[in-house]
Amino acid sequence: MRAKFTRFAFIGFLLACVTFPALGQQASDSERAAAKSYLATGVQAFKNGQLDAAVAAFQQAKQADPTSIIARLYLGTAYAAHYIPGAPSDDNRAFAQQAIEEYKGVLEKDPNNLTAIDGIGSILFGLGGNPFDIDALNESKTYHERHIELRPNDPEPYYWVGVIDWSICYRTNRELREDWSKENPNGNLAPADELPDAVRQDFANKCESTVNEGIERQKKAIELKPDYDDAMAYLNLLYRLKADIEPTQDARDEDLRMAEELVDQVKAIKEKRAAAPNQY
């Protein structure tokens, strides 16, 4: 699963802010003018794909006007654009940490800045995926929940909470299956097989509340955005995890039925978009 910010999204954000509305109010006129010049240089470098030059220019803007929120926001965005989710190198992870540091600097001055909140949430999600880091994923979730508190009608943060819940519980489910298979070498527990009762109960104890939260978050995302096929896809996956928690066959079958219905809904939405791409 890729982090939600792409280079194209970053560029759109930068261009949208090209008027630099948040330059520091405590800086002198000359400091603000210098910062504005460096910011313009950085935006142009970013548009040209020159990320190192963009970082350097935004660093200069921050130095010229240390009170500028926008300089730190742009610098964090440029660091984040360098970061490749899942790539394990120290240099790559350093870009992630630098981006988080700048975004946190923004939040110290502007606690409700959604770009910084979403940026941290996205980067932490990437850091939590490879290698798997449940603490990073749970911290990522806190930022998406923070977005929900500020903008409860935005569907995306509900989606991301649901994705994180699925990621954590899918990992737990897989590990429980692997552990059972090691202890029962003559057994054959395929990924879609019903869990043995003891394993099912263990999974329920560890993940029932998280799976239920993920389901409710994805339902809310779809309520706010009825054609949200990504949310439907993850709701399908969450229902399959819920099936592994159910104590009765009837309840398990019902969860799997709802999962299959969501697969059909996603297929129908994708076909509709393919037939009329200019409408989406």
Foldseek 3Di string as FASTA:
>chain_A
DAQDDALVNLLVVLVVCLVLPQAAPPADPVLSVQLNVLSVQLSVCSVVVNLVSNLVSLVRSCVSGVRGLVSLLSNLSSLLNQAGQQDPDPVNVVSLVSSLVSLVVSCVVVVLPLSSLSSQLRSLVSVCVHVHDLVSLVVSLVSLVSNCVVPVLALVSLLSLLVSLLVVLVVVLVVLVVVVCVVVVVDDADPQDADDPVSLCVSCVVRVVSLVSSLVSLVSSCVSPVLPLSSLLSNLSSLSSVLNNDPDPVSSVVSNVSSVVSVVSSVVSVVVCVVPVVVD
